[in-house]
Amino acid sequence: MDLATVGKLWDADPGWLNTPSYGLPPRTAFEELQAVLTQWRHGSSDWTPWDASVGRSRTAFAHLVDADPADVTISSTVSQIMSTVATALPPGSRVLVPEIEFTSNLFPWAVAAEVETVPAERLADAVTGRVDAVAFSLVQSATGYVTPLHDVVAAARAHDALVIADGSQACGWLPVSVADGIDVLACAAYKWLMAPRGAAFGYLSPRVRERMRPLAANWYAGEDPGGSFYGPPLRLADDARAFDLSPAWFCYVGAAPALELLNEIGVQRIHEHDVNLANRFRAGLGLEPSDSAIVSVEAPGERLAAAGIRAAVRAGRVRAGFHVYNTPDDVDRALNALTS
């Protein structure tokens, strides 16, 4: 399947450059969700088929990041996943975080530990024996900066610090593998994974799970969810499912086909497509090429809005994101708006 054909699987209006805020669903995901909403409206199905989408999504996300599905938990937000991990840190722990980190991966650590912030580009160099964990976004939300993961992992391993990554702005366009040394990977699925908001995934390595308590323990986290509706004893799953939240089913109905399509297309192909479009945009503005699908520039955002280009402003700069459904025409529309 060539990418020109792939793009026809979406119904994106021209000029959508705001995937870092939310991604657009492939037609299959939208149609599956509409079918289930119709079932809900009429009461023509029980919830069991909807729940199957949770298993499909977990398996697809695990495949996307080279994880075992048994090591993947499902949630609704990144902050909930990170908060559960944060409470497992010993008292007095010190967590190193980039200065510009999105607060879903900052506030949980500030509540439970001592936080030190440094410029994102100095993260690896700032890891010392006093650091218990390094928490960072694989791709920074405001700037599109791609963290040099191997450098951070090497520094963390040298000092026995946990590596905790937020993949919300990376998974879906940037090849990510937990085998590269990530202990915890949390990802909100409504951005580059193009799912409804309310689906989130967390990879929890076995060594981290040993330290954690399932603070939101519930029936869905049971070894046999169908047999965990009532009464004692506590009988949670013995893998990452012990940390599952009871799922918002409709979010996962939309997530499963979107994730499966990403795996079918291949993230490496999407990466090349997205970065090429981002660099076309950068070149048109006289900027050097980069390695990110997100471009943050000083530009008159009102010109984009007037031309029907939907982007965002973050940290006082225009932020544009380029994904699988974008085309060179989207780039040229934006450039014409900014340079004419």
C-alpha atoms as a PDB file:
ATOM      1  CA  MET A   1       0.000   0.000   0.000  1.00  0.00           C
ATOM      2  CA  ASP A   2       1.679   3.263  -1.113  1.00  0.00           C
ATOM      3  CA  LEU A   3       1.275   6.339   1.054  1.00  0.00           C
ATOM      4  CA  ALA A   4      -0.729   8.189  -1.596  1.00  0.00           C
ATOM      5  CA  THR A   5      -3.312   5.418  -1.330  1.00  0.00           C
ATOM      6  CA  VAL A   6      -3.016   5.336   2.449  1.00  0.00           C
ATOM      7  CA  GLY A   7      -3.924   9.008   2.679  1.00  0.00           C
ATOM      8  CA  LYS A   8      -7.302   8.251   1.107  1.00  0.00           C
ATOM      9  CA  LEU A   9      -8.230   6.234   4.191  1.00  0.00           C
ATOM     10  CA  TRP A  10      -8.815   9.527   6.031  1.00  0.00           C
ATOM     11  CA  ASP A  11     -11.339  12.293   5.470  1.00  0.00           C
ATOM     12  CA  ALA A  12      -9.096  15.174   6.519  1.00  0.00           C
ATOM     13  CA  ASP A  13     -10.045  18.626   5.294  1.00  0.00           C
ATOM     14  CA  PRO A  14      -7.062  20.468   3.755  1.00  0.00           C
ATOM     15  CA  GLY A  15      -4.946  22.448   6.178  1.00  0.00           C
ATOM     16  CA  TRP A  16      -5.115  20.312   9.345  1.00  0.00           C
ATOM     17  CA  LEU A  17      -1.655  20.765  10.894  1.00  0.00           C
ATOM     18  CA  ASN A  18      -2.678  20.277  14.502  1.00  0.00           C
ATOM     19  CA  THR A  19      -2.099  16.578  15.177  1.00  0.00           C
ATOM     20  CA  PRO A  20       0.000  17.472  18.263  1.00  0.00           C
ATOM     21  CA  SER A  21      -3.334  18.623  19.732  1.00  0.00           C
ATOM     22  CA  TYR A  22      -5.443  15.753  18.391  1.00  0.00           C
ATOM     23  CA  GLY A  23      -5.187  13.304  15.542  1.00  0.00           C
ATOM     24  CA  LEU A  24      -7.836  12.560  12.925  1.00  0.00           C
ATOM     25  CA  PRO A  25      -9.337   9.061  12.846  1.00  0.00           C
ATOM     26  CA  PRO A  26      -8.971   6.788   9.837  1.00  0.00           C
ATOM     27  CA  ARG A  27     -12.320   6.034   8.263  1.00  0.00           C
ATOM     28  CA  THR A  28     -12.328   2.469   9.630  1.00  0.00           C
ATOM     29  CA  ALA A  29     -12.025   3.761  13.200  1.00  0.00           C
ATOM     30  CA  PHE A  30     -14.767   6.331  12.738  1.00  0.00           C
ATOM     31  CA  GLU A  31     -17.109   3.800  11.169  1.00  0.00           C
ATOM     32  CA  GLU A  32     -16.526   1.164  13.856  1.00  0.00           C
ATOM     33  CA  LEU A  33     -17.220   3.764  16.516  1.00  0.00           C
ATOM     34  CA  GLN A  34     -20.408   4.939  14.798  1.00  0.00           C
ATOM     35  CA  ALA A  35     -21.666   1.361  14.544  1.00  0.00           C
ATOM     36  CA  VAL A  36     -21.138   0.826  18.266  1.00  0.00           C
ATOM     37  CA  LEU A  37     -22.772   4.130  19.156  1.00  0.00           C
ATOM     38  CA  THR A  38     -25.802   2.970  17.184  1.00  0.00           C
ATOM     39  CA  GLN A  39     -25.837  -0.256  19.200  1.00  0.00           C
ATOM     40  CA  TRP A  40     -25.659   1.775  22.412  1.00  0.00           C
ATOM     41  CA  ARG A  41     -28.480   4.039  21.234  1.00  0.00           C
ATOM     42  CA  HIS A  42     -30.812   1.132  20.566  1.00  0.00           C
ATOM     43  CA  GLY A  43     -29.608  -1.352  23.178  1.00  0.00           C
ATOM     44  CA  SER A  44     -28.989  -3.909  20.455  1.00  0.00           C
ATOM     45  CA  SER A  45     -25.790  -5.358  21.934  1.00  0.00           C
ATOM     46  CA  ASP A  46     -24.223  -6.031  25.293  1.00  0.00           C
ATOM     47  CA  TRP A  47     -20.797  -4.598  26.113  1.00  0.00           C
ATOM     48  CA  THR A  48     -18.786  -7.768  25.507  1.00  0.00           C
ATOM     49  CA  PRO A  49     -17.985  -7.038  21.823  1.00  0.00           C
ATOM     50  CA  TRP A  50     -17.037  -3.477  22.749  1.00  0.00           C
ATOM     51  CA  ASP A  51     -14.654  -4.775  25.395  1.00  0.00           C
ATOM     52  CA  ALA A  52     -12.883  -6.918  22.803  1.00  0.00           C
ATOM     53  CA  SER A  53     -11.545  -3.632  21.395  1.00  0.00           C
ATOM     54  CA  VAL A  54      -9.547  -3.143  24.593  1.00  0.00           C
ATOM     55  CA  GLY A  55      -7.653  -6.388  23.981  1.00  0.00           C
ATOM     56  CA  ARG A  56      -7.121  -5.498  20.331  1.00  0.00           C
ATOM     57  CA  SER A  57      -5.796  -2.074  21.315  1.00  0.00           C
ATOM     58  CA  ARG A  58      -3.472  -3.444  23.987  1.00  0.00           C
ATOM     59  CA  THR A  59      -2.011  -5.959  21.536  1.00  0.00           C
ATOM     60  CA  ALA A  60      -1.628  -3.355  18.791  1.00  0.00           C
ATOM     61  CA  PHE A  61       0.093  -0.860  21.090  1.00  0.00           C
ATOM     62  CA  ALA A  62       2.425  -3.568  22.391  1.00  0.00           C
ATOM     63  CA  HIS A  63       3.363  -4.425  18.796  1.00  0.00           C
ATOM     64  CA  LEU A  64       3.923  -0.736  18.031  1.00  0.00           C
ATOM     65  CA  VAL A  65       6.531  -0.335  20.804  1.00  0.00           C
ATOM     66  CA  ASP A  66       8.065  -3.860  20.758  1.00  0.00           C
ATOM     67  CA  ALA A  67       6.518  -4.854  24.087  1.00  0.00           C
ATOM     68  CA  ASP A  68       4.823  -7.957  25.432  1.00  0.00           C
ATOM     69  CA  PRO A  69       1.071  -7.283  25.810  1.00  0.00           C
ATOM     70  CA  ALA A  70       1.367  -8.665  29.339  1.00  0.00           C
ATOM     71  CA  ASP A  71       3.529  -5.613  30.165  1.00  0.00           C
ATOM     72  CA  VAL A  72       0.967  -3.077  28.870  1.00  0.00           C
ATOM     73  CA  THR A  73      -1.678  -1.463  31.060  1.00  0.00           C
ATOM     74  CA  ILE A  74      -4.643   0.554  29.820  1.00  0.00           C
ATOM     75  CA  SER A  75      -5.757   3.848  31.279  1.00  0.00           C
ATOM     76  CA  SER A  76      -7.404   7.132  30.349  1.00  0.00           C
ATOM     77  CA  THR A  77      -4.586   9.652  30.841  1.00  0.00           C
ATOM     78  CA  VAL A  78      -0.816   9.831  30.998  1.00  0.00           C
ATOM     79  CA  SER A  79      -0.939  11.609  34.356  1.00  0.00           C
ATOM     80  CA  GLN A  80      -2.823   8.694  35.943  1.00  0.00           C
ATOM     81  CA  ILE A  81      -0.201   6.215  34.762  1.00  0.00           C
ATOM     82  CA  MET A  82       2.670   8.431  35.872  1.00  0.00           C
ATOM     83  CA  SER A  83       1.043   9.123  39.242  1.00  0.00           C
ATOM     84  CA  THR A  84       0.793   5.413  40.004  1.00  0.00           C
ATOM     85  CA  VAL A  85       4.465   4.996  39.160  1.00  0.00           C
ATOM     86  CA  ALA A  86       5.383   8.094  41.189  1.00  0.00           C
ATOM     87  CA  THR A  87       3.858   6.743  44.386  1.00  0.00           C
ATOM     88  CA  ALA A  88       6.145   3.716  44.088  1.00  0.00           C
ATOM     89  CA  LEU A  89       9.275   5.845  44.467  1.00  0.00           C
ATOM     90  CA  PRO A  90      10.930   5.671  47.892  1.00  0.00           C
ATOM     91  CA  PRO A  91      10.619   8.737  50.157  1.00  0.00           C
ATOM     92  CA  GLY A  92      13.164  11.407  49.279  1.00  0.00           C
ATOM     93  CA  SER A  93      13.571  10.244  45.688  1.00  0.00           C
ATOM     94  CA  ARG A  94      14.918  12.719  43.154  1.00  0.00           C
ATOM     95  CA  VAL A  95      13.474  12.874  39.628  1.00  0.00           C
ATOM     96  CA  LEU A  96      15.199  14.691  36.779  1.00  0.00           C
ATOM     97  CA  VAL A  97      12.823  16.367  34.293  1.00  0.00           C
ATOM     98  CA  PRO A  98      13.306  18.747  31.344  1.00  0.00           C
ATOM     99  CA  GLU A  99      12.402  22.370  32.062  1.00  0.00           C
ATOM    100  CA  ILE A 100       9.818  22.476  29.267  1.00  0.00           C
ATOM    101  CA  GLU A 101       8.146  19.157  30.105  1.00  0.00           C
ATOM    102  CA  PHE A 102       4.347  18.952  29.768  1.00  0.00           C
ATOM    103  CA  THR A 103       2.908  18.931  33.266  1.00  0.00           C
ATOM    104  CA  SER A 104       1.251  15.498  32.952  1.00  0.00           C
ATOM    105  CA  ASN A 105       4.816  14.207  33.243  1.00  0.00           C
ATOM    106  CA  LEU A 106       5.909  16.774  35.821  1.00  0.00           C
ATOM    107  CA  PHE A 107       3.188  17.283  38.426  1.00  0.00           C
ATOM    108  CA  PRO A 108       3.014  13.560  39.393  1.00  0.00           C
ATOM    109  CA  TRP A 109       6.706  13.669  40.318  1.00  0.00           C
ATOM    110  CA  ALA A 110       6.410  17.024  42.081  1.00  0.00           C
ATOM    111  CA  VAL A 111       3.694  15.533  44.311  1.00  0.00           C
ATOM    112  CA  ALA A 112       5.660  12.410  45.247  1.00  0.00           C
ATOM    113  CA  ALA A 113       9.359  13.296  45.007  1.00  0.00           C
ATOM    114  CA  GLU A 114      11.955  16.028  44.723  1.00  0.00           C
ATOM    115  CA  VAL A 115      12.137  17.348  41.162  1.00  0.00           C
ATOM    116  CA  GLU A 116      15.154  18.847  39.422  1.00  0.00           C
ATOM    117  CA  THR A 117      14.665  20.511  36.034  1.00  0.00           C
ATOM    118  CA  VAL A 118      17.300  21.142  33.381  1.00  0.00           C
ATOM    119  CA  PRO A 119      17.221  22.249  29.726  1.00  0.00           C
ATOM    120  CA  ALA A 120      16.004  19.373  27.554  1.00  0.00           C
ATOM    121  CA  GLU A 121      19.261  19.213  25.596  1.00  0.00           C
ATOM    122  CA  ARG A 122      21.254  18.780  28.838  1.00  0.00           C
ATOM    123  CA  LEU A 123      19.148  15.943  30.227  1.00  0.00           C
ATOM    124  CA  ALA A 124      21.632  13.092  29.746  1.00  0.00           C
ATOM    125  CA  ASP A 125      24.547  15.144  31.071  1.00  0.00           C
ATOM    126  CA  ALA A 126      22.602  16.048  34.226  1.00  0.00           C
ATOM    127  CA  VAL A 127      22.060  12.451  35.368  1.00  0.00           C
ATOM    128  CA  THR A 128      24.135  11.780  38.487  1.00  0.00           C
ATOM    129  CA  GLY A 129      24.185   9.309  41.347  1.00  0.00           C
ATOM    130  CA  ARG A 130      21.684  11.543  43.187  1.00  0.00           C
ATOM    131  CA  VAL A 131      18.996  10.909  40.529  1.00  0.00           C
ATOM    132  CA  ASP A 132      16.546   8.034  41.076  1.00  0.00           C
ATOM    133  CA  ALA A 133      14.533   8.492  37.871  1.00  0.00           C
ATOM    134  CA  VAL A 134      14.656  10.477  34.642  1.00  0.00           C
ATOM    135  CA  ALA A 135      11.214  11.470  33.321  1.00  0.00           C
ATOM    136  CA  PHE A 136      10.899  13.106  29.907  1.00  0.00           C
ATOM    137  CA  SER A 137       8.920  13.233  26.680  1.00  0.00           C
ATOM    138  CA  LEU A 138      10.386  11.341  23.755  1.00  0.00           C
ATOM    139  CA  VAL A 139       9.278  14.342  21.694  1.00  0.00           C
ATOM    140  CA  GLN A 140       8.625  17.648  23.418  1.00  0.00           C
ATOM    141  CA  SER A 141       5.093  18.994  22.965  1.00  0.00           C
ATOM    142  CA  ALA A 142       5.952  22.687  22.664  1.00  0.00           C
ATOM    143  CA  THR A 143       9.046  22.505  20.475  1.00  0.00           C
ATOM    144  CA  GLY A 144       9.111  19.133  18.716  1.00  0.00           C
ATOM    145  CA  TYR A 145      12.560  18.431  20.176  1.00  0.00           C
ATOM    146  CA  VAL A 146      13.398  14.721  19.849  1.00  0.00           C
ATOM    147  CA  THR A 147      15.150  13.430  22.962  1.00  0.00           C
ATOM    148  CA  PRO A 148      18.335  11.442  22.239  1.00  0.00           C
ATOM    149  CA  LEU A 149      17.010   8.337  23.959  1.00  0.00           C
ATOM    150  CA  HIS A 150      20.170   6.257  23.772  1.00  0.00           C
ATOM    151  CA  ASP A 151      22.179   8.989  25.515  1.00  0.00           C
ATOM    152  CA  VAL A 152      19.618   9.319  28.304  1.00  0.00           C
ATOM    153  CA  VAL A 153      19.356   5.559  28.774  1.00  0.00           C
ATOM    154  CA  ALA A 154      23.143   5.175  28.928  1.00  0.00           C
ATOM    155  CA  ALA A 155      23.422   7.903  31.564  1.00  0.00           C
ATOM    156  CA  ALA A 156      20.521   6.482  33.588  1.00  0.00           C
ATOM    157  CA  ARG A 157      21.890   2.949  33.497  1.00  0.00           C
ATOM    158  CA  ALA A 158      25.296   4.183  34.665  1.00  0.00           C
ATOM    159  CA  HIS A 159      23.618   5.493  37.824  1.00  0.00           C
ATOM    160  CA  ASP A 160      20.854   2.861  38.198  1.00  0.00           C
ATOM    161  CA  ALA A 161      18.114   5.440  37.561  1.00  0.00           C
ATOM    162  CA  LEU A 162      14.721   4.562  36.101  1.00  0.00           C
ATOM    163  CA  VAL A 163      13.960   5.716  32.546  1.00  0.00           C
ATOM    164  CA  ILE A 164      10.386   7.046  32.350  1.00  0.00           C
ATOM    165  CA  ALA A 165       9.155   8.340  29.000  1.00  0.00           C
ATOM    166  CA  ASP A 166       6.008  10.067  27.762  1.00  0.00           C
ATOM    167  CA  GLY A 167       5.390   8.915  24.181  1.00  0.00           C
ATOM    168  CA  SER A 168       2.270  10.974  23.491  1.00  0.00           C
ATOM    169  CA  GLN A 169       3.989  13.175  20.892  1.00  0.00           C
ATOM    170  CA  ALA A 170       6.098  10.335  19.488  1.00  0.00           C
ATOM    171  CA  CYS A 171       4.256   7.018  19.239  1.00  0.00           C
ATOM    172  CA  GLY A 172       2.593   6.798  15.853  1.00  0.00           C
ATOM    173  CA  TRP A 173       5.213   8.670  13.816  1.00  0.00           C
ATOM    174  CA  LEU A 174       8.538   8.023  15.580  1.00  0.00           C
ATOM    175  CA  PRO A 175       9.778   4.420  15.809  1.00  0.00           C
ATOM    176  CA  VAL A 176       9.788   3.600  19.530  1.00  0.00           C
ATOM    177  CA  SER A 177      11.018   0.413  21.174  1.00  0.00           C
ATOM    178  CA  VAL A 178      10.901  -0.213  24.897  1.00  0.00           C
ATOM    179  CA  ALA A 179      13.741  -2.674  24.293  1.00  0.00           C
ATOM    180  CA  ASP A 180      16.017   0.355  23.985  1.00  0.00           C
ATOM    181  CA  GLY A 181      16.021   0.631  27.778  1.00  0.00           C
ATOM    182  CA  ILE A 182      12.725   2.259  28.736  1.00  0.00           C
ATOM    183  CA  ASP A 183      11.320   1.226  32.137  1.00  0.00           C
ATOM    184  CA  VAL A 184       8.002   3.072  31.831  1.00  0.00           C
ATOM    185  CA  LEU A 185       6.363   4.392  28.667  1.00  0.00           C
ATOM    186  CA  ALA A 186       3.023   6.209  28.897  1.00  0.00           C
ATOM    187  CA  CYS A 187       1.113   7.393  25.849  1.00  0.00           C
ATOM    188  CA  ALA A 188      -2.127   9.286  25.351  1.00  0.00           C
ATOM    189  CA  ALA A 189      -3.693   7.814  22.217  1.00  0.00           C
ATOM    190  CA  TYR A 190      -5.660  10.810  20.959  1.00  0.00           C
ATOM    191  CA  LYS A 191      -2.753  12.514  19.229  1.00  0.00           C
ATOM    192  CA  TRP A 192      -0.515  10.627  16.791  1.00  0.00           C
ATOM    193  CA  LEU A 193      -2.319   7.324  17.456  1.00  0.00           C
ATOM    194  CA  MET A 194      -5.522   9.034  16.248  1.00  0.00           C
ATOM    195  CA  ALA A 195      -7.858   7.481  18.815  1.00  0.00           C
ATOM    196  CA  PRO A 196     -10.671   9.165  20.754  1.00  0.00           C
ATOM    197  CA  ARG A 197      -9.521  10.995  23.856  1.00  0.00           C
ATOM    198  CA  GLY A 198      -9.906   8.701  26.851  1.00  0.00           C
ATOM    199  CA  ALA A 199      -7.646   5.865  25.705  1.00  0.00           C
ATOM    200  CA  ALA A 200      -4.100   5.707  27.042  1.00  0.00           C
ATOM    201  CA  PHE A 201      -1.465   2.992  27.295  1.00  0.00           C
ATOM    202  CA  GLY A 202       1.394   2.324  29.656  1.00  0.00           C
ATOM    203  CA  TYR A 203       4.319  -0.047  29.318  1.00  0.00           C
ATOM    204  CA  LEU A 204       5.410  -1.087  32.821  1.00  0.00           C
ATOM    205  CA  SER A 205       8.573  -3.144  32.946  1.00  0.00           C
ATOM    206  CA  PRO A 206       8.604  -6.074  35.389  1.00  0.00           C
ATOM    207  CA  ARG A 207      11.285  -4.405  37.515  1.00  0.00           C
ATOM    208  CA  VAL A 208       9.095  -1.325  37.946  1.00  0.00           C
ATOM    209  CA  ARG A 209       5.925  -3.307  38.667  1.00  0.00           C
ATOM    210  CA  GLU A 210       7.673  -5.009  41.576  1.00  0.00           C
ATOM    211  CA  ARG A 211       7.818  -1.602  43.288  1.00  0.00           C
ATOM    212  CA  MET A 212       4.279  -0.481  42.456  1.00  0.00           C
ATOM    213  CA  ARG A 213       0.926  -0.759  44.188  1.00  0.00           C
ATOM    214  CA  PRO A 214      -2.298  -0.875  42.123  1.00  0.00           C
ATOM    215  CA  LEU A 215      -3.809   2.202  43.750  1.00  0.00           C
ATOM    216  CA  ALA A 216      -6.871   2.168  41.482  1.00  0.00           C
ATOM    217  CA  ALA A 217      -7.535  -1.578  41.864  1.00  0.00           C
ATOM    218  CA  ASN A 218     -10.873  -2.520  40.348  1.00  0.00           C
ATOM    219  CA  TRP A 219     -12.822  -5.404  38.803  1.00  0.00           C
ATOM    220  CA  TYR A 220     -11.221  -4.950  35.384  1.00  0.00           C
ATOM    221  CA  ALA A 221      -7.773  -5.427  36.890  1.00  0.00           C
ATOM    222  CA  GLY A 222      -8.781  -8.837  38.219  1.00  0.00           C
ATOM    223  CA  GLU A 223      -7.126 -12.026  37.034  1.00  0.00           C
ATOM    224  CA  ASP A 224     -10.564 -12.961  35.692  1.00  0.00           C
ATOM    225  CA  PRO A 225     -12.481  -9.681  35.226  1.00  0.00           C
ATOM    226  CA  GLY A 226     -15.771 -11.524  34.754  1.00  0.00           C
ATOM    227  CA  GLY A 227     -15.216 -13.301  38.055  1.00  0.00           C
ATOM    228  CA  SER A 228     -14.156 -10.172  39.944  1.00  0.00           C
ATOM    229  CA  PHE A 229     -17.478  -8.368  40.221  1.00  0.00           C
ATOM    230  CA  TYR A 230     -18.247  -9.086  43.878  1.00  0.00           C
ATOM    231  CA  GLY A 231     -16.655  -9.924  47.175  1.00  0.00           C
ATOM    232  CA  PRO A 232     -13.211 -10.860  48.508  1.00  0.00           C
ATOM    233  CA  PRO A 233     -10.520 -11.998  48.314  1.00  0.00           C
ATOM    234  CA  LEU A 234      -8.300  -9.585  46.378  1.00  0.00           C
ATOM    235  CA  ARG A 235      -7.528 -11.366  43.116  1.00  0.00           C
ATOM    236  CA  LEU A 236      -5.677  -9.110  40.707  1.00  0.00           C
ATOM    237  CA  ALA A 237      -3.881 -10.090  37.512  1.00  0.00           C
ATOM    238  CA  ASP A 238      -0.229 -11.017  37.934  1.00  0.00           C
ATOM    239  CA  ASP A 239       0.954  -8.822  35.061  1.00  0.00           C
ATOM    240  CA  ALA A 240       0.477  -5.186  33.980  1.00  0.00           C
ATOM    241  CA  ARG A 241      -3.298  -5.695  33.852  1.00  0.00           C
ATOM    242  CA  ALA A 242      -3.281  -5.307  37.639  1.00  0.00           C
ATOM    243  CA  PHE A 243      -2.906  -1.573  36.960  1.00  0.00           C
ATOM    244  CA  ASP A 244      -5.698  -1.305  34.365  1.00  0.00           C
ATOM    245  CA  LEU A 245      -8.450   1.216  34.793  1.00  0.00           C
ATOM    246  CA  SER A 246     -11.939   0.115  33.919  1.00  0.00           C
ATOM    247  CA  PRO A 247     -11.998   1.194  30.266  1.00  0.00           C
ATOM    248  CA  ALA A 248     -14.051   3.854  28.540  1.00  0.00           C
ATOM    249  CA  TRP A 249     -15.178   1.340  25.927  1.00  0.00           C
ATOM    250  CA  PHE A 250     -16.073   3.677  23.090  1.00  0.00           C
ATOM    251  CA  CYS A 251     -12.594   5.229  23.184  1.00  0.00           C
ATOM    252  CA  TYR A 252     -11.046   1.815  22.654  1.00  0.00           C
ATOM    253  CA  VAL A 253     -13.541   0.914  19.929  1.00  0.00           C
ATOM    254  CA  GLY A 254     -12.025   3.828  18.007  1.00  0.00           C
ATOM    255  CA  ALA A 255      -8.467   3.104  19.120  1.00  0.00           C
ATOM    256  CA  ALA A 256      -8.228  -0.523  17.978  1.00  0.00           C
ATOM    257  CA  PRO A 257      -8.640  -0.017  14.206  1.00  0.00           C
ATOM    258  CA  ALA A 258      -6.488   3.123  14.251  1.00  0.00           C
ATOM    259  CA  LEU A 259      -3.583   1.331  15.957  1.00  0.00           C
ATOM    260  CA  GLU A 260      -3.949  -1.728  13.780  1.00  0.00           C
ATOM    261  CA  LEU A 261      -3.764   0.453  10.672  1.00  0.00           C
ATOM    262  CA  LEU A 262      -0.626   2.181  11.940  1.00  0.00           C
ATOM    263  CA  ASN A 263       1.027  -1.198  12.370  1.00  0.00           C
ATOM    264  CA  GLU A 264      -0.123  -2.281   8.923  1.00  0.00           C
ATOM    265  CA  ILE A 265       1.325   0.818   7.261  1.00  0.00           C
ATOM    266  CA  GLY A 266       4.511   0.722   9.342  1.00  0.00           C
ATOM    267  CA  VAL A 267       5.773   3.496  11.603  1.00  0.00           C
ATOM    268  CA  GLN A 268       9.085   3.763   9.747  1.00  0.00           C
ATOM    269  CA  ARG A 269       7.250   4.662   6.529  1.00  0.00           C
ATOM    270  CA  ILE A 270       5.074   7.141   8.392  1.00  0.00           C
ATOM    271  CA  HIS A 271       8.165   8.645  10.013  1.00  0.00           C
ATOM    272  CA  GLU A 272       9.781   9.295   6.653  1.00  0.00           C
ATOM    273  CA  HIS A 273       6.571  10.806   5.249  1.00  0.00           C
ATOM    274  CA  ASP A 274       5.951  13.054   8.244  1.00  0.00           C
ATOM    275  CA  VAL A 275       9.517  14.323   8.607  1.00  0.00           C
ATOM    276  CA  ASN A 276       9.787  14.991   4.882  1.00  0.00           C
ATOM    277  CA  LEU A 277       6.686  17.191   5.043  1.00  0.00           C
ATOM    278  CA  ALA A 278       7.972  18.968   8.147  1.00  0.00           C
ATOM    279  CA  ASN A 279      11.296  19.652   6.435  1.00  0.00           C
ATOM    280  CA  ARG A 280       9.514  20.918   3.328  1.00  0.00           C
ATOM    281  CA  PHE A 281       7.784  23.408   5.610  1.00  0.00           C
ATOM    282  CA  ARG A 282      11.048  24.336   7.308  1.00  0.00           C
ATOM    283  CA  ALA A 283      12.825  24.811   3.986  1.00  0.00           C
ATOM    284  CA  GLY A 284      10.060  27.137   2.790  1.00  0.00           C
ATOM    285  CA  LEU A 285      10.691  29.289   5.865  1.00  0.00           C
ATOM    286  CA  GLY A 286      14.461  29.270   5.353  1.00  0.00           C
ATOM    287  CA  LEU A 287      15.141  26.874   8.232  1.00  0.00           C
ATOM    288  CA  GLU A 288      17.560  23.964   8.410  1.00  0.00           C
ATOM    289  CA  PRO A 289      16.053  20.449   8.253  1.00  0.00           C
ATOM    290  CA  SER A 290      15.247  18.641  11.474  1.00  0.00           C
ATOM    291  CA  ASP A 291      14.388  15.142  12.679  1.00  0.00           C
ATOM    292  CA  SER A 292      10.888  15.938  13.960  1.00  0.00           C
ATOM    293  CA  ALA A 293       7.349  15.872  12.592  1.00  0.00           C
ATOM    294  CA  ILE A 294       6.604  18.926  14.752  1.00  0.00           C
ATOM    295  CA  VAL A 295       7.786  22.381  13.690  1.00  0.00           C
ATOM    296  CA  SER A 296       7.807  25.293  16.139  1.00  0.00           C
ATOM    297  CA  VAL A 297       8.442  28.718  14.565  1.00  0.00           C
ATOM    298  CA  GLU A 298       8.125  32.427  15.179  1.00  0.00           C
ATOM    299  CA  ALA A 299       5.352  33.216  12.695  1.00  0.00           C
ATOM    300  CA  PRO A 300       2.121  35.220  12.454  1.00  0.00           C
ATOM    301  CA  GLY A 301      -0.378  32.536  13.391  1.00  0.00           C
ATOM    302  CA  GLU A 302      -3.304  34.759  12.456  1.00  0.00           C
ATOM    303  CA  ARG A 303      -2.262  34.431   8.789  1.00  0.00           C
ATOM    304  CA  LEU A 304      -2.592  30.665   9.014  1.00  0.00           C
ATOM    305  CA  ALA A 305      -6.004  30.947  10.620  1.00  0.00           C
ATOM    306  CA  ALA A 306      -7.187  33.406   7.972  1.00  0.00           C
ATOM    307  CA  ALA A 307      -6.139  30.942   5.261  1.00  0.00           C
ATOM    308  CA  GLY A 308      -8.002  28.066   6.919  1.00  0.00           C
ATOM    309  CA  ILE A 309      -4.835  26.399   8.219  1.00  0.00           C
ATOM    310  CA  ARG A 310      -5.421  24.860  11.631  1.00  0.00           C
ATOM    311  CA  ALA A 311      -2.324  24.825  13.807  1.00  0.00           C
ATOM    312  CA  ALA A 312      -1.638  25.762  17.433  1.00  0.00           C
ATOM    313  CA  VAL A 313       0.344  28.305  19.410  1.00  0.00           C
ATOM    314  CA  ARG A 314       2.515  26.877  22.172  1.00  0.00           C
ATOM    315  CA  ALA A 315       5.043  28.791  24.285  1.00  0.00           C
ATOM    316  CA  GLY A 316       4.382  31.843  22.110  1.00  0.00           C
ATOM    317  CA  ARG A 317       5.268  30.117  18.830  1.00  0.00           C
ATOM    318  CA  VAL A 318       3.266  28.575  16.016  1.00  0.00           C
ATOM    319  CA  ARG A 319       3.343  24.769  16.285  1.00  0.00           C
ATOM    320  CA  ALA A 320       2.565  22.699  13.207  1.00  0.00           C
ATOM    321  CA  GLY A 321       2.475  18.911  13.042  1.00  0.00           C
ATOM    322  CA  PHE A 322       2.560  16.726   9.939  1.00  0.00           C
ATOM    323  CA  HIS A 323       1.090  13.219   9.906  1.00  0.00           C
ATOM    324  CA  VAL A 324       0.157  10.407   7.563  1.00  0.00           C
ATOM    325  CA  TYR A 325      -2.961  12.142   6.204  1.00  0.00           C
ATOM    326  CA  ASN A 326      -1.099  15.359   5.353  1.00  0.00           C
ATOM    327  CA  THR A 327       0.123  16.145   1.850  1.00  0.00           C
ATOM    328  CA  PRO A 328       2.606  18.517   0.185  1.00  0.00           C
ATOM    329  CA  ASP A 329      -0.402  20.679  -0.658  1.00  0.00           C
ATOM    330  CA  ASP A 330      -1.029  21.203   3.074  1.00  0.00           C
ATOM    331  CA  VAL A 331       2.544  22.380   3.452  1.00  0.00           C
ATOM    332  CA  ASP A 332       2.346  24.723   0.475  1.00  0.00           C
ATOM    333  CA  ARG A 333      -0.947  26.225   1.680  1.00  0.00           C
ATOM    334  CA  ALA A 334       0.687  27.062   4.985  1.00  0.00           C
ATOM    335  CA  LEU A 335       3.792  28.484   3.348  1.00  0.00           C
ATOM    336  CA  ASN A 336       1.732  30.636   1.016  1.00  0.00           C
ATOM    337  CA  ALA A 337      -0.184  31.997   3.991  1.00  0.00           C
ATOM    338  CA  LEU A 338       2.991  32.868   5.877  1.00  0.00           C
ATOM    339  CA  THR A 339       5.154  34.174   3.033  1.00  0.00           C
ATOM    340  CA  SER A 340       2.745  35.911   0.651  1.00  0.00           C
END
